All heavy atoms as atom14 arrays in JSON, in Angstrom:
{
  "sequence": "DMFSMEAADTAMLTDPYHYVIKPGGKIWFAR",
  "atom14_mask": [
    [1, 1, 1, 1, 1, 1, 1, 1, 0, 0, 0, 0, 0, 0],
    [1, 1, 1, 1, 1, 1, 1, 1, 0, 0, 0, 0, 0, 0],
    [1, 1, 1, 1, 1, 1, 1, 1, 1, 1, 1, 0, 0, 0],
    [1, 1, 1, 1, 1, 1, 0, 0, 0, 0, 0, 0, 0, 0],
    [1, 1, 1, 1, 1, 1, 1, 1, 0, 0, 0, 0, 0, 0],
    [1, 1, 1, 1, 1, 1, 1, 1, 1, 0, 0, 0, 0, 0],
    [1, 1, 1, 1, 1, 0, 0, 0, 0, 0, 0, 0, 0, 0],
    [1, 1, 1, 1, 1, 0, 0, 0, 0, 0, 0, 0, 0, 0],
    [1, 1, 1, 1, 1, 1, 1, 1, 0, 0, 0, 0, 0, 0],
    [1, 1, 1, 1, 1, 1, 1, 0, 0, 0, 0, 0, 0, 0],
    [1, 1, 1, 1, 1, 0, 0, 0, 0, 0, 0, 0, 0, 0],
    [1, 1, 1, 1, 1, 1, 1, 1, 0, 0, 0, 0, 0, 0],
    [1, 1, 1, 1, 1, 1, 1, 1, 0, 0, 0, 0, 0, 0],
    [1, 1, 1, 1, 1, 1, 1, 0, 0, 0, 0, 0, 0, 0],
    [1, 1, 1, 1, 1, 1, 1, 1, 0, 0, 0, 0, 0, 0],
    [1, 1, 1, 1, 1, 1, 1, 0, 0, 0, 0, 0, 0, 0],
    [1, 1, 1, 1, 1, 1, 1, 1, 1, 1, 1, 1, 0, 0],
    [1, 1, 1, 1, 1, 1, 1, 1, 1, 1, 0, 0, 0, 0],
    [1, 1, 1, 1, 1, 1, 1, 1, 1, 1, 1, 1, 0, 0],
    [1, 1, 1, 1, 1, 1, 1, 0, 0, 0, 0, 0, 0, 0],
    [1, 1, 1, 1, 1, 1, 1, 1, 0, 0, 0, 0, 0, 0],
    [1, 1, 1, 1, 1, 1, 1, 1, 1, 0, 0, 0, 0, 0],
    [1, 1, 1, 1, 1, 1, 1, 0, 0, 0, 0, 0, 0, 0],
    [1, 1, 1, 1, 0, 0, 0, 0, 0, 0, 0, 0, 0, 0],
    [1, 1, 1, 1, 0, 0, 0, 0, 0, 0, 0, 0, 0, 0],
    [1, 1, 1, 1, 1, 1, 1, 1, 1, 0, 0, 0, 0, 0],
    [1, 1, 1, 1, 1, 1, 1, 1, 0, 0, 0, 0, 0, 0],
    [1, 1, 1, 1, 1, 1, 1, 1, 1, 1, 1, 1, 1, 1],
    [1, 1, 1, 1, 1, 1, 1, 1, 1, 1, 1, 0, 0, 0],
    [1, 1, 1, 1, 1, 0, 0, 0, 0, 0, 0, 0, 0, 0],
    [1, 1, 1, 1, 1, 1, 1, 1, 1, 1, 1, 0, 0, 0]
  ],
  "atom14_positions": [
    [[27.27, 4.8, 16.29], [28.66, 4.34, 16.3], [29.55, 5.26, 15.47], [30.71, 5.49, 15.8], [28.79, 2.92, 15.74], [28.43, 1.85, 16.75], [28.21, 2.19, 17.93], [28.34, 0.67, 16.34], [0.0, 0.0, 0.0], [0.0, 0.0, 0.0], [0.0, 0.0, 0.0], [0.0, 0.0, 0.0], [0.0, 0.0, 0.0], [0.0, 0.0, 0.0]],
    [[29.01, 5.79, 14.37], [29.82, 6.55, 13.42], [29.51, 8.05, 13.37], [30.37, 8.84, 13.0], [29.66, 5.97, 12.02], [30.1, 4.53, 11.91], [29.92, 3.9, 10.24], [31.37, 4.63, 9.48], [0.0, 0.0, 0.0], [0.0, 0.0, 0.0], [0.0, 0.0, 0.0], [0.0, 0.0, 0.0], [0.0, 0.0, 0.0], [0.0, 0.0, 0.0]],
    [[28.29, 8.4, 13.69], [27.83, 9.79, 13.55], [27.0, 10.16, 14.78], [27.25, 9.67, 15.86], [26.98, 9.94, 12.27], [27.64, 9.4, 11.04], [27.29, 8.17, 10.52], [28.64, 10.13, 10.4], [27.91, 7.66, 9.39], [29.26, 9.64, 9.26], [28.9, 8.39, 8.76], [0.0, 0.0, 0.0], [0.0, 0.0, 0.0], [0.0, 0.0, 0.0]],
    [[26.01, 11.0, 14.58], [25.0, 11.23, 15.61], [23.65, 11.27, 14.92], [23.56, 11.6, 13.74], [25.28, 12.53, 16.37], [25.28, 13.63, 15.48], [0.0, 0.0, 0.0], [0.0, 0.0, 0.0], [0.0, 0.0, 0.0], [0.0, 0.0, 0.0], [0.0, 0.0, 0.0], [0.0, 0.0, 0.0], [0.0, 0.0, 0.0], [0.0, 0.0, 0.0]],
    [[22.65, 10.89, 15.67], [21.3, 10.85, 15.11], [20.86, 12.28, 14.74], [21.04, 13.2, 15.52], [20.33, 10.26, 16.12], [20.54, 8.78, 16.4], [19.79, 7.7, 15.19], [18.08, 7.8, 15.7], [0.0, 0.0, 0.0], [0.0, 0.0, 0.0], [0.0, 0.0, 0.0], [0.0, 0.0, 0.0], [0.0, 0.0, 0.0], [0.0, 0.0, 0.0]],
    [[20.31, 12.42, 13.55], [19.76, 13.69, 13.1], [18.24, 13.63, 13.26], [17.66, 12.54, 13.4], [20.14, 13.94, 11.64], [21.65, 14.07, 11.43], [22.03, 14.34, 9.97], [21.21, 14.92, 9.22], [23.16, 13.97, 9.58], [0.0, 0.0, 0.0], [0.0, 0.0, 0.0], [0.0, 0.0, 0.0], [0.0, 0.0, 0.0], [0.0, 0.0, 0.0]],
    [[17.59, 14.76, 13.2], [16.13, 14.82, 13.34], [15.45, 13.92, 12.31], [14.48, 13.22, 12.63], [15.64, 16.25, 13.21], [0.0, 0.0, 0.0], [0.0, 0.0, 0.0], [0.0, 0.0, 0.0], [0.0, 0.0, 0.0], [0.0, 0.0, 0.0], [0.0, 0.0, 0.0], [0.0, 0.0, 0.0], [0.0, 0.0, 0.0], [0.0, 0.0, 0.0]],
    [[15.96, 13.9, 11.08], [15.37, 13.06, 10.02], [15.49, 11.57, 10.38], [14.57, 10.79, 10.09], [16.03, 13.34, 8.68], [0.0, 0.0, 0.0], [0.0, 0.0, 0.0], [0.0, 0.0, 0.0], [0.0, 0.0, 0.0], [0.0, 0.0, 0.0], [0.0, 0.0, 0.0], [0.0, 0.0, 0.0], [0.0, 0.0, 0.0], [0.0, 0.0, 0.0]],
    [[16.6, 11.19, 10.99], [16.78, 9.8, 11.43], [15.74, 9.44, 12.49], [15.05, 8.43, 12.38], [18.17, 9.58, 12.05], [19.32, 9.79, 11.09], [19.23, 9.32, 9.95], [20.3, 10.44, 11.5], [0.0, 0.0, 0.0], [0.0, 0.0, 0.0], [0.0, 0.0, 0.0], [0.0, 0.0, 0.0], [0.0, 0.0, 0.0], [0.0, 0.0, 0.0]],
    [[15.67, 10.26, 13.51], [14.78, 9.98, 14.63], [13.34, 9.86, 14.18], [12.63, 8.92, 14.56], [14.92, 11.07, 15.71], [16.3, 11.12, 16.12], [14.05, 10.78, 16.92], [0.0, 0.0, 0.0], [0.0, 0.0, 0.0], [0.0, 0.0, 0.0], [0.0, 0.0, 0.0], [0.0, 0.0, 0.0], [0.0, 0.0, 0.0], [0.0, 0.0, 0.0]],
    [[12.9, 10.78, 13.33], [11.51, 10.75, 12.85], [11.23, 9.44, 12.11], [10.27, 8.73, 12.42], [11.25, 11.95, 11.94], [0.0, 0.0, 0.0], [0.0, 0.0, 0.0], [0.0, 0.0, 0.0], [0.0, 0.0, 0.0], [0.0, 0.0, 0.0], [0.0, 0.0, 0.0], [0.0, 0.0, 0.0], [0.0, 0.0, 0.0], [0.0, 0.0, 0.0]],
    [[12.08, 9.1, 11.15], [11.85, 7.91, 10.34], [11.96, 6.63, 11.16], [11.16, 5.71, 11.02], [12.82, 7.84, 9.17], [12.54, 6.68, 8.22], [13.8, 6.45, 6.94], [13.84, 8.04, 6.17], [0.0, 0.0, 0.0], [0.0, 0.0, 0.0], [0.0, 0.0, 0.0], [0.0, 0.0, 0.0], [0.0, 0.0, 0.0], [0.0, 0.0, 0.0]],
    [[12.95, 6.56, 12.03], [13.2, 5.32, 12.76], [12.18, 5.06, 13.87], [11.91, 3.91, 14.19], [14.62, 5.33, 13.34], [15.74, 5.33, 12.29], [17.09, 5.45, 12.96], [15.68, 4.08, 11.41], [0.0, 0.0, 0.0], [0.0, 0.0, 0.0], [0.0, 0.0, 0.0], [0.0, 0.0, 0.0], [0.0, 0.0, 0.0], [0.0, 0.0, 0.0]],
    [[11.62, 6.12, 14.44], [10.64, 5.91, 15.5], [9.22, 5.74, 14.97], [8.36, 5.25, 15.69], [10.67, 7.06, 16.54], [10.46, 8.29, 15.86], [12.0, 7.07, 17.28], [0.0, 0.0, 0.0], [0.0, 0.0, 0.0], [0.0, 0.0, 0.0], [0.0, 0.0, 0.0], [0.0, 0.0, 0.0], [0.0, 0.0, 0.0], [0.0, 0.0, 0.0]],
    [[8.98, 6.12, 13.72], [7.65, 5.95, 13.12], [7.78, 5.53, 11.66], [7.4, 6.27, 10.74], [6.85, 7.26, 13.25], [5.38, 7.07, 12.93], [4.96, 5.96, 12.55], [4.63, 8.07, 13.05], [0.0, 0.0, 0.0], [0.0, 0.0, 0.0], [0.0, 0.0, 0.0], [0.0, 0.0, 0.0], [0.0, 0.0, 0.0], [0.0, 0.0, 0.0]],
    [[8.34, 4.33, 11.43], [8.59, 3.91, 10.04], [7.31, 3.76, 9.21], [7.34, 3.98, 8.0], [9.33, 2.57, 10.19], [9.0, 2.09, 11.56], [8.79, 3.33, 12.39], [0.0, 0.0, 0.0], [0.0, 0.0, 0.0], [0.0, 0.0, 0.0], [0.0, 0.0, 0.0], [0.0, 0.0, 0.0], [0.0, 0.0, 0.0], [0.0, 0.0, 0.0]],
    [[6.22, 3.42, 9.86], [4.98, 3.28, 9.09], [4.6, 4.63, 8.47], [4.32, 4.73, 7.28], [3.82, 2.74, 9.94], [2.57, 2.61, 9.12], [2.38, 1.5, 8.3], [1.61, 3.63, 9.1], [1.26, 1.4, 7.49], [0.49, 3.53, 8.29], [0.33, 2.41, 7.48], [-0.76, 2.33, 6.67], [0.0, 0.0, 0.0], [0.0, 0.0, 0.0]],
    [[4.62, 5.67, 9.27], [4.22, 7.0, 8.81], [5.19, 7.56, 7.77], [4.77, 8.15, 6.77], [4.12, 7.96, 10.0], [3.76, 9.35, 9.62], [2.46, 9.73, 9.37], [4.52, 10.46, 9.44], [2.45, 11.02, 9.04], [3.68, 11.48, 9.08], [0.0, 0.0, 0.0], [0.0, 0.0, 0.0], [0.0, 0.0, 0.0], [0.0, 0.0, 0.0]],
    [[6.5, 7.39, 8.0], [7.51, 8.03, 7.15], [7.94, 7.19, 5.94], [8.43, 7.75, 4.96], [8.74, 8.43, 7.97], [8.48, 9.62, 8.84], [8.08, 9.46, 10.16], [8.59, 10.9, 8.34], [7.82, 10.57, 10.96], [8.33, 12.02, 9.13], [7.93, 11.83, 10.43], [7.66, 12.94, 11.21], [0.0, 0.0, 0.0], [0.0, 0.0, 0.0]],
    [[7.78, 5.88, 6.0], [8.25, 5.03, 4.9], [7.1, 4.28, 4.23], [6.9, 4.4, 3.01], [9.32, 4.01, 5.38], [9.8, 3.14, 4.22], [10.5, 4.73, 6.03], [0.0, 0.0, 0.0], [0.0, 0.0, 0.0], [0.0, 0.0, 0.0], [0.0, 0.0, 0.0], [0.0, 0.0, 0.0], [0.0, 0.0, 0.0], [0.0, 0.0, 0.0]],
    [[6.36, 3.51, 4.98], [5.34, 2.62, 4.42], [4.15, 3.38, 3.84], [3.78, 3.19, 2.68], [4.87, 1.59, 5.48], [6.05, 0.79, 6.04], [3.78, 0.68, 4.91], [6.8, -0.05, 5.04], [0.0, 0.0, 0.0], [0.0, 0.0, 0.0], [0.0, 0.0, 0.0], [0.0, 0.0, 0.0], [0.0, 0.0, 0.0], [0.0, 0.0, 0.0]],
    [[3.55, 4.24, 4.63], [2.34, 4.96, 4.21], [2.54, 5.77, 2.91], [1.68, 5.75, 2.04], [1.83, 5.85, 5.35], [0.47, 6.45, 5.1], [-0.01, 7.22, 6.31], [-1.36, 7.88, 6.04], [-1.73, 8.77, 7.13], [0.0, 0.0, 0.0], [0.0, 0.0, 0.0], [0.0, 0.0, 0.0], [0.0, 0.0, 0.0], [0.0, 0.0, 0.0]],
    [[3.68, 6.45, 2.73], [3.88, 7.21, 1.49], [4.24, 6.33, 0.27], [4.48, 6.86, -0.81], [5.03, 8.15, 1.81], [5.21, 8.1, 3.28], [4.68, 6.79, 3.75], [0.0, 0.0, 0.0], [0.0, 0.0, 0.0], [0.0, 0.0, 0.0], [0.0, 0.0, 0.0], [0.0, 0.0, 0.0], [0.0, 0.0, 0.0], [0.0, 0.0, 0.0]],
    [[4.31, 5.01, 0.46], [4.58, 4.14, -0.69], [5.93, 3.46, -0.68], [6.33, 2.86, -1.68], [0.0, 0.0, 0.0], [0.0, 0.0, 0.0], [0.0, 0.0, 0.0], [0.0, 0.0, 0.0], [0.0, 0.0, 0.0], [0.0, 0.0, 0.0], [0.0, 0.0, 0.0], [0.0, 0.0, 0.0], [0.0, 0.0, 0.0], [0.0, 0.0, 0.0]],
    [[6.65, 3.52, 0.43], [7.94, 2.86, 0.53], [7.83, 1.45, 1.07], [6.74, 0.96, 1.36], [0.0, 0.0, 0.0], [0.0, 0.0, 0.0], [0.0, 0.0, 0.0], [0.0, 0.0, 0.0], [0.0, 0.0, 0.0], [0.0, 0.0, 0.0], [0.0, 0.0, 0.0], [0.0, 0.0, 0.0], [0.0, 0.0, 0.0], [0.0, 0.0, 0.0]],
    [[8.97, 0.81, 1.23], [9.03, -0.57, 1.7], [10.18, -0.7, 2.69], [11.18, 0.0, 2.59], [9.29, -1.55, 0.55], [8.35, -1.42, -0.63], [7.18, -2.3, -0.48], [6.35, -2.26, -1.76], [5.12, -2.96, -1.62], [0.0, 0.0, 0.0], [0.0, 0.0, 0.0], [0.0, 0.0, 0.0], [0.0, 0.0, 0.0], [0.0, 0.0, 0.0]],
    [[10.04, -1.65, 3.61], [11.12, -1.98, 4.55], [11.21, -3.51, 4.62], [10.18, -4.18, 4.67], [10.84, -1.43, 5.96], [10.72, 0.1, 5.95], [11.94, -1.87, 6.94], [10.26, 0.71, 7.27], [0.0, 0.0, 0.0], [0.0, 0.0, 0.0], [0.0, 0.0, 0.0], [0.0, 0.0, 0.0], [0.0, 0.0, 0.0], [0.0, 0.0, 0.0]],
    [[12.45, -4.0, 4.62], [12.67, -5.44, 4.8], [13.64, -5.66, 5.94], [14.42, -4.8, 6.3], [13.24, -6.06, 3.53], [12.27, -6.07, 2.41], [11.3, -7.01, 2.14], [12.14, -5.1, 1.37], [10.59, -6.65, 1.03], [11.08, -5.49, 0.54], [12.82, -3.91, 1.07], [10.69, -4.76, -0.58], [12.42, -3.18, -0.02], [11.37, -3.6, -0.85]],
    [[13.56, -6.88, 6.47], [14.43, -7.3, 7.56], [15.1, -8.6, 7.18], [14.51, -9.43, 6.48], [13.61, -7.49, 8.85], [12.93, -6.24, 9.3], [11.66, -5.93, 8.85], [13.58, -5.35, 10.13], [11.03, -4.75, 9.23], [12.96, -4.17, 10.53], [11.69, -3.87, 10.07], [0.0, 0.0, 0.0], [0.0, 0.0, 0.0], [0.0, 0.0, 0.0]],
    [[16.34, -8.78, 7.64], [17.08, -10.02, 7.42], [17.1, -10.78, 8.73], [17.52, -10.24, 9.76], [18.51, -9.71, 6.97], [0.0, 0.0, 0.0], [0.0, 0.0, 0.0], [0.0, 0.0, 0.0], [0.0, 0.0, 0.0], [0.0, 0.0, 0.0], [0.0, 0.0, 0.0], [0.0, 0.0, 0.0], [0.0, 0.0, 0.0], [0.0, 0.0, 0.0]],
    [[16.62, -12.03, 8.68], [16.61, -12.86, 9.89], [17.59, -14.01, 9.72], [17.49, -14.8, 8.78], [15.2, -13.39, 10.17], [15.17, -14.22, 11.47], [13.79, -14.49, 11.99], [12.97, -15.19, 11.02], [11.64, -15.23, 11.08], [10.99, -14.6, 12.03], [10.96, -15.91, 10.18], [0.0, 0.0, 0.0], [0.0, 0.0, 0.0], [0.0, 0.0, 0.0]]
  ]
}
């Protein structure tokens, strides 16, 4: 909506386990 997807966005968003969780990060969702 505001920008365009960059390579870093695509990598992280399509494989969040590999790029965020596995290296020690966390993700939360609001329901």
